[in-house]
Amino acid sequence: MQHKVIIFSAPSGSGKTTVVNHLLATMPELGFSVSATTRKPRVNELNGREYYFLEQEDFENKIKNEEFLEHEEVYTGIFYGTLKSEVDRLWALGKTVIFDVDVVGGVNIKKQFGNKALSIFLRPPSIDVLMERLRKRSTEVEHQLQMRLEKAQFELQFESQYDMVLINDRLEDTLSKAEQIVKDFIHSGS
């Protein structure tokens, strides 16, 4: 069996987690790579399920020990990273690894895995739609929303570095397209 990875990246609020969760629910051959972060858990998030929630010192020690495939300070003082051990764990289970990562992390993972990786950039139909989605989440106050919007505008510049761009306009269509793209990649001979 060939070890493959699928990378989903998008600006926050684009629907990336919804798409990835749908693929995981409908495709048992996929295994989710749980990222590590120094941010605090949100309500209903569990350590080891949504993220491995680490203290900054622990995260920095893992960087020094080269335990990450990639890592980045996504927001000031907030680090995210992909543990090498997580990919190995999922491959040992016979899974194709699926990542839900920020755009820089996605580009870095793609560079490491080359044609064993399919990188998909999920984008909203417009910045206005993105802002509306972020407001509906009600997880941030207004100044945090503005920070996310500025970051989204920066992140949109990376879409050309991805194998494909999927516009999340109508969710049902996006889920269907994502399933087909992922199935085609998993079953391709590359």
Protein backbone atom coordinates (compact mmCIF):
# COMPACT_ATOMS: atom_id res chain seq x y z
CA MET A 1 0.00 0.00 0.00
CA GLN A 2 1.23 3.44 -0.92
CA HIS A 3 1.35 6.01 1.85
CA LYS A 4 -0.49 9.12 0.70
CA VAL A 5 -1.56 12.35 2.32
CA ILE A 6 -4.32 14.84 1.55
CA ILE A 7 -3.92 18.44 2.63
CA PHE A 8 -6.83 20.84 3.10
CA SER A 9 -6.00 24.46 3.77
CA ALA A 10 -8.18 27.56 3.77
CA PRO A 11 -8.67 30.89 5.44
CA SER A 12 -10.46 30.54 8.78
CA GLY A 13 -14.22 30.36 8.23
CA SER A 14 -14.03 28.92 4.71
CA GLY A 15 -15.58 25.59 5.75
CA LYS A 16 -12.42 23.50 5.78
CA THR A 17 -13.21 21.65 9.01
CA THR A 18 -16.76 20.93 7.80
CA VAL A 19 -15.41 19.44 4.56
CA VAL A 20 -12.71 17.41 6.31
CA ASN A 21 -15.21 16.08 8.90
CA HIS A 22 -17.58 15.05 6.10
CA LEU A 23 -14.80 13.17 4.29
CA LEU A 24 -13.80 11.40 7.50
CA ALA A 25 -17.41 10.38 8.15
CA THR A 26 -17.93 9.00 4.63
CA MET A 27 -14.51 7.56 3.80
CA PRO A 28 -13.19 5.05 6.36
CA GLU A 29 -9.86 4.81 4.52
CA LEU A 30 -8.98 8.29 5.77
CA GLY A 31 -7.30 9.07 9.08
CA PHE A 32 -7.25 12.58 10.53
CA SER A 33 -3.91 14.04 11.49
CA VAL A 34 -4.50 15.81 14.78
CA SER A 35 -2.35 18.93 14.91
CA ALA A 36 -0.62 20.26 17.99
CA THR A 37 -1.24 23.81 19.19
CA THR A 38 -0.45 26.13 22.07
CA ARG A 39 -3.86 27.80 21.93
CA LYS A 40 -6.39 27.04 24.64
CA PRO A 41 -9.20 24.58 23.87
CA ARG A 42 -12.58 25.97 22.84
CA VAL A 43 -15.77 24.69 24.44
CA ASN A 44 -16.32 20.98 23.61
CA GLU A 45 -12.78 20.50 22.22
CA LEU A 46 -10.85 17.55 23.61
CA ASN A 47 -7.10 17.02 23.78
CA GLY A 48 -6.13 14.43 21.18
CA ARG A 49 -9.36 14.81 19.20
CA GLU A 50 -9.39 18.33 17.74
CA TYR A 51 -5.80 19.15 18.71
CA TYR A 52 -3.01 18.11 20.99
CA PHE A 53 -3.09 21.11 23.32
CA LEU A 54 0.48 21.76 24.46
CA GLU A 55 2.09 24.31 26.71
CA GLN A 56 4.46 26.61 24.83
CA GLU A 57 7.54 25.12 26.52
CA ASP A 58 6.54 21.58 25.50
CA PHE A 59 5.87 22.74 21.93
CA GLU A 60 9.27 24.45 21.76
CA ASN A 61 10.99 21.30 23.07
CA LYS A 62 9.34 19.28 20.30
CA ILE A 63 10.63 21.82 17.76
CA LYS A 64 14.17 21.42 19.14
CA ASN A 65 13.84 17.63 18.99
CA GLU A 66 12.66 17.85 15.34
CA GLU A 67 9.38 16.09 16.14
CA PHE A 68 7.35 18.23 13.72
CA LEU A 69 6.84 17.86 9.96
CA GLU A 70 5.99 21.53 10.00
CA HIS A 71 5.16 24.17 12.57
CA GLU A 72 4.36 27.83 12.58
CA GLU A 73 3.46 30.71 14.82
CA VAL A 74 0.09 31.36 13.15
CA TYR A 75 -0.93 34.17 15.47
CA THR A 76 1.34 35.99 17.92
CA GLY A 77 2.16 33.51 20.68
CA ILE A 78 -0.06 30.79 19.17
CA PHE A 79 1.78 27.90 17.53
CA TYR A 80 0.43 25.06 15.41
CA GLY A 81 2.30 22.06 14.09
CA THR A 82 2.08 18.58 12.61
CA LEU A 83 3.79 15.85 14.60
CA LYS A 84 5.72 13.26 12.60
CA SER A 85 4.50 10.60 15.03
CA GLU A 86 0.89 11.37 14.10
CA VAL A 87 1.47 10.59 10.41
CA ASP A 88 3.37 7.40 11.28
CA ARG A 89 0.54 6.32 13.61
CA LEU A 90 -2.09 6.72 10.89
CA TRP A 91 0.00 5.03 8.19
CA ALA A 92 0.54 2.10 10.56
CA LEU A 93 -3.27 1.77 10.68
CA GLY A 94 -3.36 1.62 6.87
CA LYS A 95 -4.98 5.04 6.53
CA THR A 96 -4.50 7.82 4.01
CA VAL A 97 -3.67 10.82 6.17
CA ILE A 98 -5.85 13.91 5.84
CA PHE A 99 -4.64 17.26 7.15
CA ASP A 100 -6.64 20.33 8.14
CA VAL A 101 -3.83 22.90 8.32
CA ASP A 102 -3.08 26.57 7.73
CA VAL A 103 -1.85 27.58 4.28
CA VAL A 104 1.85 27.83 5.11
CA GLY A 105 1.76 24.45 6.84
CA GLY A 106 -0.04 22.97 3.84
CA VAL A 107 2.60 24.27 1.42
CA ASN A 108 5.38 22.89 3.64
CA ILE A 109 3.75 19.45 3.94
CA LYS A 110 3.25 19.30 0.16
CA LYS A 111 6.95 20.06 -0.37
CA GLN A 112 7.91 17.16 1.92
CA PHE A 113 5.61 14.56 0.35
CA GLY A 114 5.66 15.66 -3.31
CA ASN A 115 3.40 13.50 -5.51
CA LYS A 116 2.35 11.40 -2.50
CA ALA A 117 0.39 14.47 -1.40
CA LEU A 118 -2.67 16.16 -2.84
CA SER A 119 -3.03 19.74 -1.65
CA ILE A 120 -6.46 21.37 -1.87
CA PHE A 121 -7.08 25.03 -1.15
CA LEU A 122 -10.66 25.66 -0.04
CA ARG A 123 -11.78 29.21 -0.53
CA PRO A 124 -14.95 31.15 0.13
CA PRO A 125 -16.75 32.71 -2.85
CA SER A 126 -15.81 36.18 -1.54
CA ILE A 127 -14.32 38.03 1.42
CA ASP A 128 -17.82 39.30 2.32
CA VAL A 129 -19.12 35.73 2.58
CA LEU A 130 -16.11 34.80 4.70
CA MET A 131 -16.73 37.68 7.12
CA GLU A 132 -20.40 36.67 7.43
CA ARG A 133 -19.39 33.07 8.22
CA LEU A 134 -16.89 34.19 10.85
CA ARG A 135 -19.50 36.41 12.53
CA LYS A 136 -21.99 33.50 12.65
CA ARG A 137 -19.45 31.35 14.50
CA SER A 138 -19.51 33.84 17.39
CA THR A 139 -16.15 32.62 18.68
CA GLU A 140 -14.35 35.98 18.46
CA VAL A 141 -14.95 39.60 19.33
CA GLU A 142 -14.87 42.27 16.59
CA HIS A 143 -11.12 43.07 16.76
CA GLN A 144 -10.35 39.33 16.51
CA LEU A 145 -12.64 39.11 13.47
CA GLN A 146 -10.68 41.92 11.83
CA MET A 147 -7.41 40.07 12.55
CA ARG A 148 -8.84 36.91 10.98
CA LEU A 149 -10.04 38.85 7.95
CA GLU A 150 -6.60 40.42 7.44
CA LYS A 151 -5.02 37.00 7.78
CA ALA A 152 -7.52 35.53 5.29
CA GLN A 153 -6.56 38.14 2.72
CA PHE A 154 -2.92 37.15 3.20
CA GLU A 155 -3.74 33.43 3.01
CA LEU A 156 -5.67 33.79 -0.24
CA GLN A 157 -2.35 34.67 -1.90
CA PHE A 158 -1.20 31.06 -1.41
CA GLU A 159 -3.90 29.34 -3.44
CA SER A 160 -1.68 29.11 -6.55
CA GLN A 161 0.77 26.93 -4.59
CA TYR A 162 -1.88 24.22 -4.16
CA ASP A 163 -2.65 21.38 -6.55
CA MET A 164 -6.25 22.53 -6.81
CA VAL A 165 -8.63 25.20 -5.59
CA LEU A 166 -12.15 24.30 -4.46
CA ILE A 167 -14.59 27.18 -4.01
CA ASN A 168 -17.03 26.56 -1.16
CA ASP A 169 -20.13 28.30 -2.47
CA ARG A 170 -22.86 25.70 -1.96
CA LEU A 171 -21.87 23.25 0.78
CA GLU A 172 -23.58 20.19 -0.75
CA ASP A 173 -21.75 20.72 -4.06
CA THR A 174 -18.45 21.32 -2.28
CA LEU A 175 -18.78 18.10 -0.25
CA SER A 176 -19.59 16.09 -3.36
CA LYS A 177 -16.66 17.55 -5.32
CA ALA A 178 -14.28 17.02 -2.39
CA GLU A 179 -15.31 13.35 -2.13
CA GLN A 180 -14.68 12.75 -5.82
CA ILE A 181 -11.32 14.54 -5.81
CA VAL A 182 -10.12 12.58 -2.77
CA LYS A 183 -11.36 9.21 -4.11
CA ASP A 184 -9.65 9.82 -7.46
CA PHE A 185 -6.37 10.64 -5.73
CA ILE A 186 -6.44 7.71 -3.30
CA HIS A 187 -7.14 5.24 -6.09
CA SER A 188 -4.68 6.71 -8.60
CA GLY A 189 -1.49 4.80 -9.19
CA SER A 190 0.86 7.69 -8.42
